[in-house]
Amino acid sequence: MVPVLNLVVRPARVEDAGAIASFSAALALETERRALDAERLRQGTLSLLESSAHGFFMVAEVAEQGPPLLVGQLMITYEWSD
């Protein structure tokens, strides 16, 4: 295993929407064998990024050389349970 230097975990921003949607599509294809509609996925991602009423995203980025590169994401959604 190669250690990752300069890994930063931060709240996602609107400009991260494309990468987040791409990661989400890849995850659905790999784990559920489902091809999600790219535009619907992008709109849903933007909706959550623009309003945290239903949850939020965190992203991990690496800045070894050049601009930071997103390498992971986490979505937190709110759920009520008794």
PDB file of N, CA and C in Angstrom:
ATOM      1  N   MET A   1       0.852  -1.170   0.000  1.00  0.00           N
ATOM      2  CA  MET A   1       0.000   0.000   0.000  1.00  0.00           C
ATOM      3  C   MET A   1       0.902   1.240   0.000  1.00  0.00           C
ATOM      4  N   VAL A   2       0.562   2.183  -0.858  1.00  0.00           N
ATOM      5  CA  VAL A   2       1.325   3.430  -0.961  1.00  0.00           C
ATOM      6  C   VAL A   2       0.637   4.487  -0.110  1.00  0.00           C
ATOM      7  N   PRO A   3       1.358   5.140   0.797  1.00  0.00           N
ATOM      8  CA  PRO A   3       0.723   6.179   1.607  1.00  0.00           C
ATOM      9  C   PRO A   3       0.329   7.371   0.743  1.00  0.00           C
ATOM     10  N   VAL A   4      -0.799   7.967   1.067  1.00  0.00           N
ATOM     11  CA  VAL A   4      -1.273   9.139   0.341  1.00  0.00           C
ATOM     12  C   VAL A   4      -0.936  10.369   1.162  1.00  0.00           C
ATOM     13  N   LEU A   5      -0.110  11.221   0.579  1.00  0.00           N
ATOM     14  CA  LEU A   5       0.257  12.457   1.253  1.00  0.00           C
ATOM     15  C   LEU A   5      -0.668  13.570   0.793  1.00  0.00           C
ATOM     16  N   ASN A   6      -0.834  14.548   1.654  1.00  0.00           N
ATOM     17  CA  ASN A   6      -1.643  15.710   1.311  1.00  0.00           C
ATOM     18  C   ASN A   6      -3.089  15.369   0.990  1.00  0.00           C
ATOM     19  N   LEU A   7      -3.654  14.380   1.679  1.00  0.00           N
ATOM     20  CA  LEU A   7      -5.070  14.053   1.522  1.00  0.00           C
ATOM     21  C   LEU A   7      -5.868  15.036   2.360  1.00  0.00           C
ATOM     22  N   VAL A   8      -6.831  15.672   1.741  1.00  0.00           N
ATOM     23  CA  VAL A   8      -7.679  16.643   2.425  1.00  0.00           C
ATOM     24  C   VAL A   8      -9.127  16.184   2.298  1.00  0.00           C
ATOM     25  N   VAL A   9      -9.836  16.143   3.417  1.00  0.00           N
ATOM     26  CA  VAL A   9     -11.268  15.857   3.418  1.00  0.00           C
ATOM     27  C   VAL A   9     -11.963  17.167   3.745  1.00  0.00           C
ATOM     28  N   ARG A  10     -12.924  17.542   2.891  1.00  0.00           N
ATOM     29  CA  ARG A  10     -13.586  18.835   3.051  1.00  0.00           C
ATOM     30  C   ARG A  10     -15.029  18.740   2.586  1.00  0.00           C
ATOM     31  N   PRO A  11     -15.851  19.716   2.997  1.00  0.00           N
ATOM     32  CA  PRO A  11     -17.217  19.761   2.457  1.00  0.00           C
ATOM     33  C   PRO A  11     -17.165  19.986   0.948  1.00  0.00           C
ATOM     34  N   ALA A  12     -18.065  19.336   0.246  1.00  0.00           N
ATOM     35  CA  ALA A  12     -18.117  19.480  -1.213  1.00  0.00           C
ATOM     36  C   ALA A  12     -18.651  20.855  -1.587  1.00  0.00           C
ATOM     37  N   ARG A  13     -18.243  21.292  -2.771  1.00  0.00           N
ATOM     38  CA  ARG A  13     -18.691  22.569  -3.327  1.00  0.00           C
ATOM     39  C   ARG A  13     -19.410  22.314  -4.645  1.00  0.00           C
ATOM     40  N   VAL A  14     -20.163  23.295  -5.107  1.00  0.00           N
ATOM     41  CA  VAL A  14     -20.910  23.153  -6.355  1.00  0.00           C
ATOM     42  C   VAL A  14     -19.987  22.768  -7.506  1.00  0.00           C
ATOM     43  N   GLU A  15     -18.781  23.310  -7.528  1.00  0.00           N
ATOM     44  CA  GLU A  15     -17.867  22.990  -8.619  1.00  0.00           C
ATOM     45  C   GLU A  15     -17.402  21.526  -8.599  1.00  0.00           C
ATOM     46  N   ASP A  16     -17.695  20.790  -7.536  1.00  0.00           N
ATOM     47  CA  ASP A  16     -17.362  19.366  -7.442  1.00  0.00           C
ATOM     48  C   ASP A  16     -18.463  18.476  -8.028  1.00  0.00           C
ATOM     49  N   ALA A  17     -19.562  19.066  -8.458  1.00  0.00           N
ATOM     50  CA  ALA A  17     -20.745  18.298  -8.879  1.00  0.00           C
ATOM     51  C   ALA A  17     -20.429  17.280  -9.967  1.00  0.00           C
ATOM     52  N   GLY A  18     -19.647  17.648 -10.965  1.00  0.00           N
ATOM     53  CA  GLY A  18     -19.341  16.718 -12.054  1.00  0.00           C
ATOM     54  C   GLY A  18     -18.615  15.480 -11.572  1.00  0.00           C
ATOM     55  N   ALA A  19     -17.611  15.667 -10.735  1.00  0.00           N
ATOM     56  CA  ALA A  19     -16.860  14.524 -10.208  1.00  0.00           C
ATOM     57  C   ALA A  19     -17.738  13.665  -9.303  1.00  0.00           C
ATOM     58  N   ILE A  20     -18.541  14.309  -8.461  1.00  0.00           N
ATOM     59  CA  ILE A  20     -19.418  13.557  -7.554  1.00  0.00           C
ATOM     60  C   ILE A  20     -20.417  12.729  -8.351  1.00  0.00           C
ATOM     61  N   ALA A  21     -21.034  13.327  -9.356  1.00  0.00           N
ATOM     62  CA  ALA A  21     -22.002  12.599 -10.177  1.00  0.00           C
ATOM     63  C   ALA A  21     -21.322  11.433 -10.895  1.00  0.00           C
ATOM     64  N   SER A  22     -20.117  11.652 -11.374  1.00  0.00           N
ATOM     65  CA  SER A  22     -19.364  10.593 -12.050  1.00  0.00           C
ATOM     66  C   SER A  22     -19.048   9.446 -11.099  1.00  0.00           C
ATOM     67  N   PHE A  23     -18.616   9.783  -9.891  1.00  0.00           N
ATOM     68  CA  PHE A  23     -18.337   8.752  -8.890  1.00  0.00           C
ATOM     69  C   PHE A  23     -19.609   7.971  -8.550  1.00  0.00           C
ATOM     70  N   SER A  24     -20.720   8.676  -8.388  1.00  0.00           N
ATOM     71  CA  SER A  24     -21.992   8.030  -8.039  1.00  0.00           C
ATOM     72  C   SER A  24     -22.445   7.083  -9.147  1.00  0.00           C
ATOM     73  N   ALA A  25     -22.302   7.508 -10.392  1.00  0.00           N
ATOM     74  CA  ALA A  25     -22.677   6.651 -11.519  1.00  0.00           C
ATOM     75  C   ALA A  25     -21.807   5.399 -11.552  1.00  0.00           C
ATOM     76  N   ALA A  26     -20.512   5.552 -11.330  1.00  0.00           N
ATOM     77  CA  ALA A  26     -19.603   4.410 -11.336  1.00  0.00           C
ATOM     78  C   ALA A  26     -19.937   3.437 -10.208  1.00  0.00           C
ATOM     79  N   LEU A  27     -20.277   3.973  -9.039  1.00  0.00           N
ATOM     80  CA  LEU A  27     -20.631   3.126  -7.902  1.00  0.00           C
ATOM     81  C   LEU A  27     -21.899   2.324  -8.186  1.00  0.00           C
ATOM     82  N   ALA A  28     -22.931   2.976  -8.741  1.00  0.00           N
ATOM     83  CA  ALA A  28     -24.175   2.274  -9.055  1.00  0.00           C
ATOM     84  C   ALA A  28     -23.950   1.180 -10.097  1.00  0.00           C
ATOM     85  N   LEU A  29     -23.114   1.462 -11.086  1.00  0.00           N
ATOM     86  CA  LEU A  29     -22.829   0.471 -12.120  1.00  0.00           C
ATOM     87  C   LEU A  29     -22.069  -0.725 -11.539  1.00  0.00           C
ATOM     88  N   GLU A  30     -21.092  -0.439 -10.686  1.00  0.00           N
ATOM     89  CA  GLU A  30     -20.282  -1.517 -10.112  1.00  0.00           C
ATOM     90  C   GLU A  30     -21.045  -2.359  -9.101  1.00  0.00           C
ATOM     91  N   THR A  31     -21.801  -1.719  -8.214  1.00  0.00           N
ATOM     92  CA  THR A  31     -22.428  -2.456  -7.121  1.00  0.00           C
ATOM     93  C   THR A  31     -23.814  -2.991  -7.445  1.00  0.00           C
ATOM     94  N   GLU A  32     -24.553  -2.296  -8.330  1.00  0.00           N
ATOM     95  CA  GLU A  32     -25.929  -2.698  -8.629  1.00  0.00           C
ATOM     96  C   GLU A  32     -26.147  -3.033 -10.100  1.00  0.00           C
ATOM     97  N   ARG A  33     -25.087  -2.853 -10.890  1.00  0.00           N
ATOM     98  CA  ARG A  33     -25.192  -3.052 -12.342  1.00  0.00           C
ATOM     99  C   ARG A  33     -26.302  -2.193 -12.940  1.00  0.00           C
ATOM    100  N   ARG A  34     -26.414  -0.960 -12.413  1.00  0.00           N
ATOM    101  CA  ARG A  34     -27.430  -0.009 -12.883  1.00  0.00           C
ATOM    102  C   ARG A  34     -26.740   1.174 -13.538  1.00  0.00           C
ATOM    103  N   ALA A  35     -27.170   1.493 -14.744  1.00  0.00           N
ATOM    104  CA  ALA A  35     -26.674   2.682 -15.438  1.00  0.00           C
ATOM    105  C   ALA A  35     -27.644   3.819 -15.142  1.00  0.00           C
ATOM    106  N   LEU A  36     -27.200   4.789 -14.380  1.00  0.00           N
ATOM    107  CA  LEU A  36     -28.061   5.907 -14.001  1.00  0.00           C
ATOM    108  C   LEU A  36     -28.080   6.967 -15.092  1.00  0.00           C
ATOM    109  N   ASP A  37     -29.195   7.678 -15.194  1.00  0.00           N
ATOM    110  CA  ASP A  37     -29.321   8.771 -16.143  1.00  0.00           C
ATOM    111  C   ASP A  37     -28.400   9.915 -15.698  1.00  0.00           C
ATOM    112  N   ALA A  38     -27.437  10.265 -16.550  1.00  0.00           N
ATOM    113  CA  ALA A  38     -26.402  11.240 -16.185  1.00  0.00           C
ATOM    114  C   ALA A  38     -26.982  12.609 -15.837  1.00  0.00           C
ATOM    115  N   GLU A  39     -27.949  13.089 -16.603  1.00  0.00           N
ATOM    116  CA  GLU A  39     -28.513  14.416 -16.335  1.00  0.00           C
ATOM    117  C   GLU A  39     -29.311  14.428 -15.037  1.00  0.00           C
ATOM    118  N   ARG A  40     -30.070  13.394 -14.796  1.00  0.00           N
ATOM    119  CA  ARG A  40     -30.837  13.316 -13.541  1.00  0.00           C
ATOM    120  C   ARG A  40     -29.895  13.232 -12.340  1.00  0.00           C
ATOM    121  N   LEU A  41     -28.837  12.478 -12.487  1.00  0.00           N
ATOM    122  CA  LEU A  41     -27.847  12.351 -11.424  1.00  0.00           C
ATOM    123  C   LEU A  41     -27.161  13.690 -11.156  1.00  0.00           C
ATOM    124  N   ARG A  42     -26.823  14.414 -12.225  1.00  0.00           N
ATOM    125  CA  ARG A  42     -26.198  15.728 -12.075  1.00  0.00           C
ATOM    126  C   ARG A  42     -27.140  16.709 -11.374  1.00  0.00           C
ATOM    127  N   GLN A  43     -28.406  16.707 -11.765  1.00  0.00           N
ATOM    128  CA  GLN A  43     -29.374  17.614 -11.141  1.00  0.00           C
ATOM    129  C   GLN A  43     -29.583  17.268  -9.663  1.00  0.00           C
ATOM    130  N   GLY A  44     -29.659  15.990  -9.341  1.00  0.00           N
ATOM    131  CA  GLY A  44     -29.812  15.586  -7.941  1.00  0.00           C
ATOM    132  C   GLY A  44     -28.600  15.955  -7.108  1.00  0.00           C
ATOM    133  N   THR A  45     -27.426  15.793  -7.679  1.00  0.00           N
ATOM    134  CA  THR A  45     -26.192  16.166  -6.989  1.00  0.00           C
ATOM    135  C   THR A  45     -26.162  17.659  -6.735  1.00  0.00           C
ATOM    136  N   LEU A  46     -26.489  18.449  -7.756  1.00  0.00           N
ATOM    137  CA  LEU A  46     -26.521  19.907  -7.590  1.00  0.00           C
ATOM    138  C   LEU A  46     -27.549  20.329  -6.552  1.00  0.00           C
ATOM    139  N   SER A  47     -28.687  19.670  -6.536  1.00  0.00           N
ATOM    140  CA  SER A  47     -29.732  20.004  -5.571  1.00  0.00           C
ATOM    141  C   SER A  47     -29.233  19.859  -4.137  1.00  0.00           C
ATOM    142  N   LEU A  48     -28.536  18.777  -3.860  1.00  0.00           N
ATOM    143  CA  LEU A  48     -28.014  18.555  -2.514  1.00  0.00           C
ATOM    144  C   LEU A  48     -26.871  19.521  -2.195  1.00  0.00           C
ATOM    145  N   LEU A  49     -26.056  19.837  -3.191  1.00  0.00           N
ATOM    146  CA  LEU A  49     -24.955  20.775  -2.968  1.00  0.00           C
ATOM    147  C   LEU A  49     -25.455  22.198  -2.716  1.00  0.00           C
ATOM    148  N   GLU A  50     -26.572  22.556  -3.321  1.00  0.00           N
ATOM    149  CA  GLU A  50     -27.099  23.907  -3.186  1.00  0.00           C
ATOM    150  C   GLU A  50     -27.947  24.099  -1.941  1.00  0.00           C
ATOM    151  N   SER A  51     -28.410  23.007  -1.335  1.00  0.00           N
ATOM    152  CA  SER A  51     -29.212  23.100  -0.118  1.00  0.00           C
ATOM    153  C   SER A  51     -28.942  21.880   0.755  1.00  0.00           C
ATOM    154  N   SER A  52     -28.530  22.106   1.965  1.00  0.00           N
ATOM    155  CA  SER A  52     -28.221  20.993   2.867  1.00  0.00           C
ATOM    156  C   SER A  52     -29.432  20.534   3.672  1.00  0.00           C
ATOM    157  N   ALA A  53     -30.635  20.888   3.231  1.00  0.00           N
ATOM    158  CA  ALA A  53     -31.855  20.511   3.960  1.00  0.00           C
ATOM    159  C   ALA A  53     -32.016  18.996   4.068  1.00  0.00           C
ATOM    160  N   HIS A  54     -31.519  18.262   3.095  1.00  0.00           N
ATOM    161  CA  HIS A  54     -31.676  16.799   3.091  1.00  0.00           C
ATOM    162  C   HIS A  54     -30.371  16.044   3.281  1.00  0.00           C
ATOM    163  N   GLY A  55     -29.254  16.755   3.358  1.00  0.00           N
ATOM    164  CA  GLY A  55     -27.974  16.101   3.545  1.00  0.00           C
ATOM    165  C   GLY A  55     -26.847  16.920   2.958  1.00  0.00           C
ATOM    166  N   PHE A  56     -25.679  16.292   2.877  1.00  0.00           N
ATOM    167  CA  PHE A  56     -24.523  16.990   2.328  1.00  0.00           C
ATOM    168  C   PHE A  56     -23.484  15.977   1.869  1.00  0.00           C
ATOM    169  N   PHE A  57     -22.543  16.465   1.061  1.00  0.00           N
ATOM    170  CA  PHE A  57     -21.431  15.660   0.579  1.00  0.00           C
ATOM    171  C   PHE A  57     -20.135  16.125   1.229  1.00  0.00           C
ATOM    172  N   MET A  58     -19.244  15.179   1.464  1.00  0.00           N
ATOM    173  CA  MET A  58     -17.853  15.458   1.811  1.00  0.00           C
ATOM    174  C   MET A  58     -17.027  14.829   0.691  1.00  0.00           C
ATOM    175  N   VAL A  59     -15.900  15.445   0.371  1.00  0.00           N
ATOM    176  CA  VAL A  59     -15.020  14.888  -0.650  1.00  0.00           C
ATOM    177  C   VAL A  59     -13.610  14.776  -0.099  1.00  0.00           C
ATOM    178  N   ALA A  60     -12.852  13.863  -0.686  1.00  0.00           N
ATOM    179  CA  ALA A  60     -11.427  13.711  -0.371  1.00  0.00           C
ATOM    180  C   ALA A  60     -10.664  14.102  -1.619  1.00  0.00           C
ATOM    181  N   GLU A  61      -9.631  14.904  -1.428  1.00  0.00           N
ATOM    182  CA  GLU A  61      -8.814  15.310  -2.561  1.00  0.00           C
ATOM    183  C   GLU A  61      -7.345  15.175  -2.225  1.00  0.00           C
ATOM    184  N   VAL A  62      -6.561  14.967  -3.269  1.00  0.00           N
ATOM    185  CA  VAL A  62      -5.116  14.844  -3.141  1.00  0.00           C
ATOM    186  C   VAL A  62      -4.487  15.941  -3.986  1.00  0.00           C
ATOM    187  N   ALA A  63      -3.478  16.580  -3.425  1.00  0.00           N
ATOM    188  CA  ALA A  63      -2.786  17.655  -4.148  1.00  0.00           C
ATOM    189  C   ALA A  63      -1.296  17.375  -4.138  1.00  0.00           C
ATOM    190  N   GLU A  64      -0.894  16.276  -4.743  1.00  0.00           N
ATOM    191  CA  GLU A  64       0.523  15.913  -4.790  1.00  0.00           C
ATOM    192  C   GLU A  64       1.285  16.818  -5.748  1.00  0.00           C
ATOM    193  N   GLN A  65       0.788  16.936  -6.957  1.00  0.00           N
ATOM    194  CA  GLN A  65       1.397  17.788  -7.978  1.00  0.00           C
ATOM    195  C   GLN A  65       0.256  18.357  -8.804  1.00  0.00           C
ATOM    196  N   GLY A  66       0.317  19.636  -9.096  1.00  0.00           N
ATOM    197  CA  GLY A  66      -0.726  20.260  -9.894  1.00  0.00           C
ATOM    198  C   GLY A  66      -1.965  20.542  -9.065  1.00  0.00           C
ATOM    199  N   PRO A  67      -3.094  20.766  -9.757  1.00  0.00           N
ATOM    200  CA  PRO A  67      -4.333  21.091  -9.039  1.00  0.00           C
ATOM    201  C   PRO A  67      -4.838  19.896  -8.238  1.00  0.00           C
ATOM    202  N   PRO A  68      -5.599  20.146  -7.176  1.00  0.00           N
ATOM    203  CA  PRO A  68      -6.150  19.038  -6.379  1.00  0.00           C
ATOM    204  C   PRO A  68      -7.016  18.115  -7.235  1.00  0.00           C
ATOM    205  N   LEU A  69      -6.964  16.833  -6.916  1.00  0.00           N
ATOM    206  CA  LEU A  69      -7.720  15.816  -7.634  1.00  0.00           C
ATOM    207  C   LEU A  69      -8.664  15.128  -6.652  1.00  0.00           C
ATOM    208  N   LEU A  70      -9.972  15.128  -6.963  1.00  0.00           N
ATOM    209  CA  LEU A  70     -10.920  14.428  -6.092  1.00  0.00           C
ATOM    210  C   LEU A  70     -10.723  12.930  -6.232  1.00  0.00           C
ATOM    211  N   VAL A  71     -10.629  12.243  -5.097  1.00  0.00           N
ATOM    212  CA  VAL A  71     -10.399  10.798  -5.112  1.00  0.00           C
ATOM    213  C   VAL A  71     -11.463  10.022  -4.349  1.00  0.00           C
ATOM    214  N   GLY A  72     -12.409  10.722  -3.720  1.00  0.00           N
ATOM    215  CA  GLY A  72     -13.450  10.020  -2.988  1.00  0.00           C
ATOM    216  C   GLY A  72     -14.548  10.954  -2.549  1.00  0.00           C
ATOM    217  N   GLN A  73     -15.661  10.367  -2.176  1.00  0.00           N
ATOM    218  CA  GLN A  73     -16.808  11.152  -1.714  1.00  0.00           C
ATOM    219  C   GLN A  73     -17.582  10.386  -0.662  1.00  0.00           C
ATOM    220  N   LEU A  74     -18.358  11.136   0.089  1.00  0.00           N
ATOM    221  CA  LEU A  74     -19.248  10.579   1.106  1.00  0.00           C
ATOM    222  C   LEU A  74     -20.503  11.429   1.107  1.00  0.00           C
ATOM    223  N   MET A  75     -21.677  10.799   1.068  1.00  0.00           N
ATOM    224  CA  MET A  75     -22.918  11.547   1.158  1.00  0.00           C
ATOM    225  C   MET A  75     -23.590  11.219   2.476  1.00  0.00           C
ATOM    226  N   ILE A  76     -23.932  12.236   3.215  1.00  0.00           N
ATOM    227  CA  ILE A  76     -24.664  12.082   4.481  1.00  0.00           C
ATOM    228  C   ILE A  76     -26.090  12.544   4.240  1.00  0.00           C
ATOM    229  N   THR A  77     -27.054  11.696   4.531  1.00  0.00           N
ATOM    230  CA  THR A  77     -28.462  12.090   4.435  1.00  0.00           C
ATOM    231  C   THR A  77     -29.087  11.957   5.811  1.00  0.00           C
ATOM    232  N   TYR A  78     -30.104  12.764   6.018  1.00  0.00           N
ATOM    233  CA  TYR A  78     -30.792  12.763   7.309  1.00  0.00           C
ATOM    234  C   TYR A  78     -31.961  11.797   7.268  1.00  0.00           C
ATOM    235  N   GLU A  79     -32.091  11.039   8.337  1.00  0.00           N
ATOM    236  CA  GLU A  79     -33.173  10.077   8.414  1.00  0.00           C
ATOM    237  C   GLU A  79     -33.700  10.031   9.841  1.00  0.00           C
ATOM    238  N   TRP A  80     -34.981  10.041   9.984  1.00  0.00           N
ATOM    239  CA  TRP A  80     -35.572   9.916  11.308  1.00  0.00           C
ATOM    240  C   TRP A  80     -35.886   8.448  11.565  1.00  0.00           C
ATOM    241  N   SER A  81     -35.577   8.006  12.753  1.00  0.00           N
ATOM    242  CA  SER A  81     -35.853   6.629  13.114  1.00  0.00           C
ATOM    243  C   SER A  81     -36.188   6.554  14.590  1.00  0.00           C
ATOM    244  N   ASP A  82     -37.108   5.710  14.935  1.00  0.00           N
ATOM    245  CA  ASP A  82     -37.443   5.536  16.353  1.00  0.00           C
ATOM    246  C   ASP A  82     -36.758   4.315  16.895  1.00  0.00           C
TER     247      ASP A  82
END
